[in-house]
């Protein structure tokens, strides 16, 4: 009997024997003292017609349990079940006990961060998008899901294609489908572009087995969780609840985007600081005053990354038409309420794009001291240049337009 093909998503294992037309799924694994138990679902795939033979609890280290399971399964399908169960027990226990294999670091080639969708979705990491209600977070997240699904690059957003699974703890499929269908039209995508959606009732940690199965079956490379408060199912100010959530995300082994809400004071995501500590790449969504009717402006400000400097802010305007949402990149320098959320150096570039100023003049406009402005000008000489007479200007003609072109 050949070794099975093993696929894994978090704590869900799937072992397939092609010649025998048998698949065994293992989930709900737990340890009790020296025993490791799990739930086995045994499926026959003879004639390409999957049929569940049996589902039962199983003790992986017990010979008696193996013999009993083999006799039980023989009643449904005449097969040598004992060696098959031996292989299943060995493969699952080996993976559980070894965990992630160790690797050598320090002398390997230096590589750049990989992205599923640059710069918003760092590959294989927990990414976060937070903002106030009505800021456009969900619309932007749906746009990201569609771009990843199609693998298309738009607006300079470099895309690595892959299947997407959306886990919704707030809405239902109708509004998400409507946004996706309208964005399909506005982006000029195929009308049949779609991604997997699941409405969730249980906290993510308690629903992890079902989510693992969906990730495995769909081959999802990106999961989106909307939103963190409901997905926690607990007080977001409690570190333990937040840490359990991110550990559950980590077990899935795929890129994730978690949507969250801001604190009332607008000082970051609401709740424990571990939301920020556990996320590798964080963007804040900020609604701005749009330039046209039936439109919404969205500013995206980079708040955290674990490797490298923070990136420049991005801007989009969503134009709403009957049956269509048309995204367009926009120059956020023209939207004051979005500029206010930018970093100081970006605000300085916006101000200097209107004309050269002294540090004192810049400080007065930006409500900062001349000393702070002078220090920033000197620190970012790749952006700013002294123009004589104590005045400074931008080194490039359009230094902040690269991210919005």
Protein backbone atom coordinates (compact mmCIF):
# COMPACT_ATOMS: atom_id res chain seq x y z
CA UNK A 1 0.00 0.00 0.00
CA UNK A 2 1.41 3.37 -1.06
CA UNK A 3 1.88 6.31 1.27
CA UNK A 4 -1.05 8.72 1.20
CA UNK A 5 -0.96 12.22 -0.22
CA UNK A 6 -1.16 14.56 2.78
CA UNK A 7 -2.60 18.08 2.70
CA UNK A 8 -3.00 20.27 5.76
CA UNK A 9 -4.73 23.46 6.85
CA UNK A 10 -4.02 24.36 10.46
CA UNK A 11 -5.26 21.45 12.56
CA UNK A 12 -7.13 19.80 9.67
CA UNK A 13 -5.39 16.90 7.87
CA UNK A 14 -6.52 15.20 4.69
CA UNK A 15 -4.91 11.89 3.64
CA UNK A 16 -5.74 10.49 0.19
CA UNK A 17 -4.99 7.02 -1.19
CA UNK A 18 -5.56 7.28 -4.94
CA UNK A 19 -5.28 3.56 -5.74
CA UNK A 20 -7.63 2.55 -2.93
CA UNK A 21 -10.06 5.45 -3.63
CA UNK A 22 -10.10 6.37 0.05
CA UNK A 23 -9.75 9.70 1.84
CA UNK A 24 -9.44 10.20 5.58
CA UNK A 25 -9.97 13.62 7.11
CA UNK A 26 -8.70 14.31 10.63
CA UNK A 27 -9.82 17.29 12.69
CA UNK A 28 -10.67 18.38 16.25
CA UNK A 29 -7.33 17.08 17.47
CA UNK A 30 -6.73 17.30 21.21
CA UNK A 31 -4.24 15.98 23.74
CA UNK A 32 -5.26 14.34 27.02
CA UNK A 33 -2.21 13.34 29.02
CA UNK A 34 -0.24 10.91 26.82
CA UNK A 35 -3.15 10.40 24.42
CA UNK A 36 -3.78 12.27 21.17
CA UNK A 37 -7.34 12.03 19.93
CA UNK A 38 -9.16 13.35 16.90
CA UNK A 39 -12.26 13.03 14.74
CA UNK A 40 -11.89 10.78 11.66
CA UNK A 41 -14.12 11.11 8.61
CA UNK A 42 -13.57 8.23 6.17
CA UNK A 43 -14.71 8.76 2.58
CA UNK A 44 -14.84 6.34 -0.36
CA UNK A 45 -14.23 7.96 -3.75
CA UNK A 46 -14.87 4.89 -5.90
CA UNK A 47 -16.22 5.79 -9.37
CA UNK A 48 -15.64 9.48 -8.56
CA UNK A 49 -18.69 9.39 -6.32
CA UNK A 50 -17.60 10.48 -2.81
CA UNK A 51 -19.46 8.59 -0.08
CA UNK A 52 -18.92 8.98 3.64
CA UNK A 53 -18.32 5.54 5.13
CA UNK A 54 -18.06 6.54 8.77
CA UNK A 55 -17.19 9.30 11.20
CA UNK A 56 -15.85 8.53 14.67
CA UNK A 57 -13.49 9.60 17.47
CA UNK A 58 -10.09 7.98 17.33
CA UNK A 59 -7.11 7.50 19.66
CA UNK A 60 -4.03 7.68 17.41
CA UNK A 61 -1.70 5.87 19.79
CA UNK A 62 -3.97 2.95 20.72
CA UNK A 63 -3.53 -0.42 18.99
CA UNK A 64 -6.89 -1.51 20.34
CA UNK A 65 -8.56 1.56 18.82
CA UNK A 66 -6.89 0.78 15.48
CA UNK A 67 -8.13 -2.83 15.46
CA UNK A 68 -11.63 -1.76 16.42
CA UNK A 69 -11.73 0.93 13.71
CA UNK A 70 -10.46 -1.53 11.07
CA UNK A 71 -13.20 -4.06 11.90
CA UNK A 72 -15.80 -1.29 11.88
CA UNK A 73 -14.77 0.06 8.47
CA UNK A 74 -14.61 -3.44 6.93
CA UNK A 75 -18.38 -3.63 7.38
CA UNK A 76 -18.75 -0.80 4.86
CA UNK A 77 -15.95 -1.53 2.39
CA UNK A 78 -13.82 -4.64 1.89
CA UNK A 79 -10.30 -3.25 2.24
CA UNK A 80 -7.13 -3.82 4.29
CA UNK A 81 -7.97 -1.10 6.76
CA UNK A 82 -5.40 -1.87 9.45
CA UNK A 83 -2.25 -0.89 7.46
CA UNK A 84 -4.11 2.12 6.09
CA UNK A 85 -4.97 3.29 9.61
CA UNK A 86 -1.37 2.59 10.69
CA UNK A 87 -0.14 4.97 7.98
CA UNK A 88 -2.73 7.59 8.87
CA UNK A 89 -1.79 7.45 12.55
CA UNK A 90 1.92 7.67 11.80
CA UNK A 91 1.64 10.61 9.38
CA UNK A 92 -0.64 12.67 11.60
CA UNK A 93 1.34 12.02 14.80
CA UNK A 94 4.60 12.85 13.01
CA UNK A 95 3.29 16.24 11.88
CA UNK A 96 1.74 17.04 15.24
CA UNK A 97 4.88 16.22 17.21
CA UNK A 98 7.44 17.84 14.95
CA UNK A 99 5.49 21.06 14.32
CA UNK A 100 7.18 23.45 11.94
CA UNK A 101 10.60 22.08 10.93
CA UNK A 102 13.59 24.24 11.98
CA UNK A 103 15.54 26.14 9.33
CA UNK A 104 18.89 27.92 9.27
CA UNK A 105 18.93 31.72 9.16
CA UNK A 106 21.64 34.36 9.01
CA UNK A 107 23.65 33.21 5.99
CA UNK A 108 20.78 32.86 3.52
CA UNK A 109 20.35 35.31 0.60
CA UNK A 110 18.55 38.52 1.58
CA UNK A 111 15.09 38.63 0.01
CA UNK A 112 12.47 41.35 -0.21
CA UNK A 113 9.07 41.04 1.45
CA UNK A 114 6.57 39.22 -0.76
CA UNK A 115 3.06 40.58 -1.30
CA UNK A 116 -0.22 39.04 -2.40
CA UNK A 117 -1.33 42.60 -3.27
CA UNK A 118 1.32 45.30 -2.96
CA UNK A 119 1.41 47.31 -0.75
CA UNK A 120 -1.65 46.32 1.27
CA UNK A 121 -1.42 42.53 1.67
CA UNK A 122 1.93 41.14 2.77
CA UNK A 123 2.19 37.50 1.72
CA UNK A 124 1.65 34.88 4.41
CA UNK A 125 1.16 37.49 7.13
CA UNK A 126 -1.76 38.95 9.13
CA UNK A 127 -2.61 42.33 7.58
CA UNK A 128 -5.08 44.81 9.08
CA UNK A 129 -7.29 47.56 7.68
CA UNK A 130 -9.03 49.70 10.27
CA UNK A 131 -11.08 52.87 10.30
CA UNK A 132 -14.33 54.47 11.37
CA UNK A 133 -17.68 53.11 10.28
CA UNK A 134 -18.64 54.24 6.78
CA UNK A 135 -15.06 55.01 5.75
CA UNK A 136 -15.13 52.58 2.81
CA UNK A 137 -13.18 49.71 4.40
CA UNK A 138 -15.45 46.95 3.11
CA UNK A 139 -15.66 48.38 -0.41
CA UNK A 140 -11.88 48.60 -0.61
CA UNK A 141 -11.47 45.08 0.84
CA UNK A 142 -13.88 43.69 -1.79
CA UNK A 143 -11.84 45.43 -4.49
CA UNK A 144 -8.70 43.76 -3.11
CA UNK A 145 -10.47 40.37 -3.12
CA UNK A 146 -11.48 40.77 -6.77
CA UNK A 147 -8.00 41.85 -7.88
CA UNK A 148 -6.40 38.86 -6.12
CA UNK A 149 -9.04 36.52 -7.56
CA UNK A 150 -8.30 37.66 -11.10
CA UNK A 151 -4.59 38.27 -10.59
CA UNK A 152 -4.93 41.57 -12.43
CA UNK A 153 -2.72 44.57 -11.68
CA UNK A 154 -4.53 47.91 -11.53
CA UNK A 155 -3.50 51.37 -10.36
CA UNK A 156 0.02 50.14 -9.60
CA UNK A 157 -1.27 47.54 -7.12
CA UNK A 158 1.01 44.61 -7.99
CA UNK A 159 -1.03 41.42 -7.68
CA UNK A 160 -0.26 37.76 -7.14
CA UNK A 161 -3.43 35.88 -8.08
CA UNK A 162 -5.11 33.20 -5.98
CA UNK A 163 -8.41 32.04 -4.54
CA UNK A 164 -10.03 34.19 -1.84
CA UNK A 165 -12.30 33.22 1.07
CA UNK A 166 -14.33 35.91 2.89
CA UNK A 167 -15.49 35.18 6.46
CA UNK A 168 -18.22 37.61 7.49
CA UNK A 169 -19.11 38.12 11.15
CA UNK A 170 -21.31 41.20 10.57
CA UNK A 171 -23.26 41.10 7.29
CA UNK A 172 -24.73 38.49 4.99
CA UNK A 173 -23.88 37.52 1.42
CA UNK A 174 -26.33 39.91 -0.29
CA UNK A 175 -24.57 43.27 0.38
CA UNK A 176 -21.10 41.78 -0.19
CA UNK A 177 -22.28 40.20 -3.45
CA UNK A 178 -23.81 43.52 -4.54
CA UNK A 179 -20.59 45.44 -3.87
CA UNK A 180 -18.57 42.78 -5.70
CA UNK A 181 -20.91 42.75 -8.71
CA UNK A 182 -20.84 46.56 -8.98
CA UNK A 183 -17.06 46.64 -8.64
CA UNK A 184 -16.77 43.92 -11.31
CA UNK A 185 -18.58 46.32 -13.64
CA UNK A 186 -16.64 49.39 -12.52
CA UNK A 187 -13.28 47.62 -12.87
CA UNK A 188 -14.23 46.11 -16.21
CA UNK A 189 -13.77 42.55 -14.93
CA UNK A 190 -15.63 39.50 -16.14
CA UNK A 191 -19.18 39.44 -14.76
CA UNK A 192 -18.60 35.91 -13.43
CA UNK A 193 -15.62 36.90 -11.25
CA UNK A 194 -16.39 35.72 -7.73
CA UNK A 195 -14.82 34.48 -4.50
CA UNK A 196 -15.88 32.18 -1.65
CA UNK A 197 -18.08 33.77 1.02
CA UNK A 198 -19.18 32.35 4.39
CA UNK A 199 -21.47 33.91 6.97
CA UNK A 200 -20.13 33.17 10.48
CA UNK A 201 -21.93 32.92 13.80
CA UNK A 202 -19.28 31.53 16.16
CA UNK A 203 -16.06 33.32 17.18
CA UNK A 204 -13.28 32.43 14.75
CA UNK A 205 -11.32 30.46 17.37
CA UNK A 206 -14.36 28.25 18.07
CA UNK A 207 -15.15 27.87 14.37
CA UNK A 208 -11.58 27.18 13.32
CA UNK A 209 -12.09 23.57 12.17
CA UNK A 210 -14.78 24.56 9.66
CA UNK A 211 -12.69 27.51 8.48
CA UNK A 212 -9.65 25.27 8.06
CA UNK A 213 -11.71 22.93 5.90
CA UNK A 214 -12.90 25.80 3.67
CA UNK A 215 -9.33 27.07 3.24
CA UNK A 216 -8.17 23.56 2.34
CA UNK A 217 -11.04 22.75 -0.04
CA UNK A 218 -10.98 26.09 -1.86
CA UNK A 219 -7.19 26.39 -1.95
CA UNK A 220 -7.59 29.95 -0.65
CA UNK A 221 -4.41 32.04 -0.72
CA UNK A 222 -6.09 35.02 0.93
CA UNK A 223 -8.73 35.13 3.66
CA UNK A 224 -10.60 38.28 4.68
CA UNK A 225 -12.26 38.60 8.10
CA UNK A 226 -14.96 41.24 8.57
CA UNK A 227 -14.66 42.29 11.28
CA UNK A 228 -12.33 41.63 14.23
CA UNK A 229 -14.63 42.75 17.04
CA UNK A 230 -17.31 40.19 16.19
CA UNK A 231 -14.79 37.53 15.17
CA UNK A 232 -13.19 37.70 18.63
CA UNK A 233 -16.44 36.91 20.43
CA UNK A 234 -14.87 38.44 23.54
CA UNK A 235 -13.74 41.75 25.01
CA UNK A 236 -11.33 43.29 22.44
CA UNK A 237 -9.49 44.98 25.30
CA UNK A 238 -8.44 41.61 26.71
CA UNK A 239 -4.98 40.55 25.42
CA UNK A 240 -5.78 36.82 25.71
CA UNK A 241 -8.74 37.04 23.32
CA UNK A 242 -6.75 38.99 20.74
CA UNK A 243 -3.73 36.69 20.95
CA UNK A 244 -5.89 33.58 20.50
CA UNK A 245 -7.43 35.11 17.40
CA UNK A 246 -4.07 35.84 15.77
CA UNK A 247 -2.70 32.41 16.70
CA UNK A 248 -5.73 30.87 14.97
CA UNK A 249 -5.02 33.00 11.86
CA UNK A 250 -1.38 31.91 11.96
CA UNK A 251 -2.38 28.24 11.98
CA UNK A 252 -4.08 28.65 8.58
CA UNK A 253 -0.76 29.46 6.91
CA UNK A 254 -2.19 31.90 4.34
CA UNK A 255 -2.28 35.66 3.81
CA UNK A 256 -5.05 37.34 5.79
CA UNK A 257 -6.72 40.74 5.93
CA UNK A 258 -8.61 41.59 9.10
CA UNK A 259 -11.01 44.55 9.02
CA UNK A 260 -11.37 46.42 12.30
CA UNK A 261 -12.84 49.59 13.77
CA UNK A 262 -11.03 52.55 15.28
CA UNK A 263 -11.16 53.70 18.86
CA UNK A 264 -13.36 56.71 19.63
CA UNK A 265 -10.26 58.85 20.13
CA UNK A 266 -9.10 57.77 16.63
CA UNK A 267 -5.78 56.58 18.10
CA UNK A 268 -5.73 53.21 16.35
CA UNK A 269 -7.75 49.97 16.37
CA UNK A 270 -10.12 49.71 19.33
CA UNK A 271 -8.95 47.44 22.13
CA UNK A 272 -5.77 45.73 23.22
CA UNK A 273 -2.41 46.90 21.91
CA UNK A 274 -1.84 43.28 20.84
CA UNK A 275 -3.99 43.99 17.79
CA UNK A 276 -1.18 46.24 16.57
CA UNK A 277 1.60 44.03 17.92
CA UNK A 278 0.24 40.88 16.24
CA UNK A 279 -0.44 42.45 12.83
CA UNK A 280 2.52 42.68 10.47
CA UNK A 281 1.16 45.30 8.08
CA UNK A 282 -1.48 47.88 9.09
CA UNK A 283 -3.35 50.52 7.07
CA UNK A 284 -5.88 53.07 8.28
CA UNK A 285 -8.86 53.93 6.09
CA UNK A 286 -10.02 57.55 6.30
CA UNK A 287 -13.08 58.94 4.56
CA UNK A 288 -12.70 62.25 2.79
CA UNK A 289 -14.87 64.76 0.98
CA UNK A 290 -15.28 63.61 -2.62
CA UNK A 291 -15.06 65.98 -5.56
CA UNK A 292 -18.20 64.79 -7.36
CA UNK A 293 -21.77 63.79 -6.60
CA UNK A 294 -22.50 60.17 -5.64
CA UNK A 295 -18.81 59.68 -4.85
CA UNK A 296 -16.74 58.79 -1.80
CA UNK A 297 -13.07 59.58 -1.26
CA UNK A 298 -10.88 57.14 0.64
CA UNK A 299 -7.43 57.83 2.05
CA UNK A 300 -5.23 54.91 3.07
CA UNK A 301 -2.44 55.70 5.52
CA UNK A 302 0.31 53.21 6.40
CA UNK A 303 0.52 52.82 10.18
CA UNK A 304 2.80 49.80 10.72
CA UNK A 305 5.15 47.41 8.97
CA UNK A 306 7.66 45.12 10.65
CA UNK A 307 10.32 45.40 7.97
CA UNK A 308 11.30 48.63 6.27
CA UNK A 309 9.91 52.16 6.42
CA UNK A 310 6.28 53.19 6.32
CA UNK A 311 4.99 53.67 2.79
CA UNK A 312 3.31 56.71 1.26
CA UNK A 313 -0.41 57.25 1.59
CA UNK A 314 -2.77 56.18 -1.19
CA UNK A 315 -6.03 57.70 -2.33
CA UNK A 316 -9.07 56.36 -4.16
CA UNK A 317 -12.40 57.83 -5.15
CA UNK A 318 -15.36 55.50 -5.59
CA UNK A 319 -18.00 56.78 -8.01
CA UNK A 320 -21.41 55.19 -7.46
CA UNK A 321 -23.61 54.65 -10.50
CA UNK A 322 -26.67 52.41 -11.00
CA UNK A 323 -25.25 48.88 -11.12
CA UNK A 324 -21.63 50.03 -10.92
CA UNK A 325 -18.94 51.25 -8.50
CA UNK A 326 -16.04 52.84 -10.38
CA UNK A 327 -12.76 53.13 -8.43
CA UNK A 328 -10.35 55.84 -9.48
CA UNK A 329 -7.00 56.75 -7.94
CA UNK A 330 -7.05 60.31 -6.63
CA UNK A 331 -4.52 62.86 -5.45
CA UNK A 332 -5.19 63.00 -1.73
CA UNK A 333 -3.27 66.27 -1.47
CA UNK A 334 -6.47 67.98 -2.62
CA UNK A 335 -8.59 66.49 0.18
CA UNK A 336 -7.86 68.34 3.45
CA UNK A 337 -9.62 65.90 5.79
CA UNK A 338 -7.48 63.05 4.40
CA UNK A 339 -4.27 65.08 4.40
CA UNK A 340 -4.78 65.57 8.15
CA UNK A 341 -4.23 61.86 8.66
CA UNK A 342 -0.93 61.73 6.77
CA UNK A 343 2.50 61.57 8.38
CA UNK A 344 4.26 64.87 9.08
CA UNK A 345 6.76 64.44 6.24
CA UNK A 346 3.92 63.78 3.76
CA UNK A 347 1.99 66.81 5.05
CA UNK A 348 5.12 68.88 4.55
CA UNK A 349 5.38 67.72 0.95
CA UNK A 350 1.75 68.63 0.35
CA UNK A 351 2.28 72.12 1.80
CA UNK A 352 5.48 72.70 -0.21
CA UNK A 353 3.78 71.61 -3.42
CA UNK A 354 1.92 74.93 -3.20
CA UNK A 355 5.14 76.93 -2.93
CA UNK A 356 8.46 77.29 -1.13
CA UNK A 357 8.39 78.09 2.60
CA UNK A 358 10.67 78.68 5.54
CA UNK A 359 10.59 76.23 8.49
CA UNK A 360 8.72 78.84 10.50
CA UNK A 361 6.07 79.25 7.79
CA UNK A 362 5.70 75.47 7.45
CA UNK A 363 5.44 75.09 11.21
CA UNK A 364 2.72 77.71 11.42
CA UNK A 365 0.68 75.99 8.71
CA UNK A 366 1.10 72.51 10.18
CA UNK A 367 0.87 73.55 13.85
CA UNK A 368 4.44 72.37 14.60
CA UNK A 369 7.48 74.19 15.94
CA UNK A 370 10.07 75.49 13.50
CA UNK A 371 12.65 73.26 15.24
CA UNK A 372 10.63 70.09 14.51
CA UNK A 373 10.16 71.18 10.89
CA UNK A 374 13.88 71.94 10.46
CA UNK A 375 14.86 68.54 11.88
CA UNK A 376 12.44 66.77 9.52
CA UNK A 377 13.67 68.74 6.50
CA UNK A 378 17.26 67.75 7.28
CA UNK A 379 16.36 64.10 7.91
CA UNK A 380 14.56 63.69 4.58
CA UNK A 381 17.02 65.28 2.18
CA UNK A 382 15.93 62.80 -0.49
CA UNK A 383 12.55 64.60 -0.47
CA UNK A 384 13.36 68.22 0.34
CA UNK A 385 15.88 70.75 -0.94
CA UNK A 386 17.05 74.15 0.35
CA UNK A 387 16.17 76.86 -2.16
CA UNK A 388 18.03 79.78 -0.59
CA UNK A 389 16.79 82.70 1.51
CA UNK A 390 15.89 80.19 4.22
CA UNK A 391 13.17 78.60 2.10
CA UNK A 392 12.69 74.94 1.25
CA UNK A 393 10.92 73.10 -1.53
CA UNK A 394 10.21 69.58 -2.75
CA UNK A 395 13.12 67.85 -4.46
CA UNK A 396 10.90 66.35 -7.14
CA UNK A 397 8.08 68.03 -9.02
CA UNK A 398 5.45 65.49 -7.88
CA UNK A 399 7.00 63.53 -5.01
CA UNK A 400 3.74 62.27 -3.54
CA UNK A 401 2.02 61.38 -6.79
CA UNK A 402 3.85 58.08 -7.39
CA UNK A 403 1.55 56.11 -5.12
CA UNK A 404 -1.55 57.68 -6.61
CA UNK A 405 -0.78 57.41 -10.31
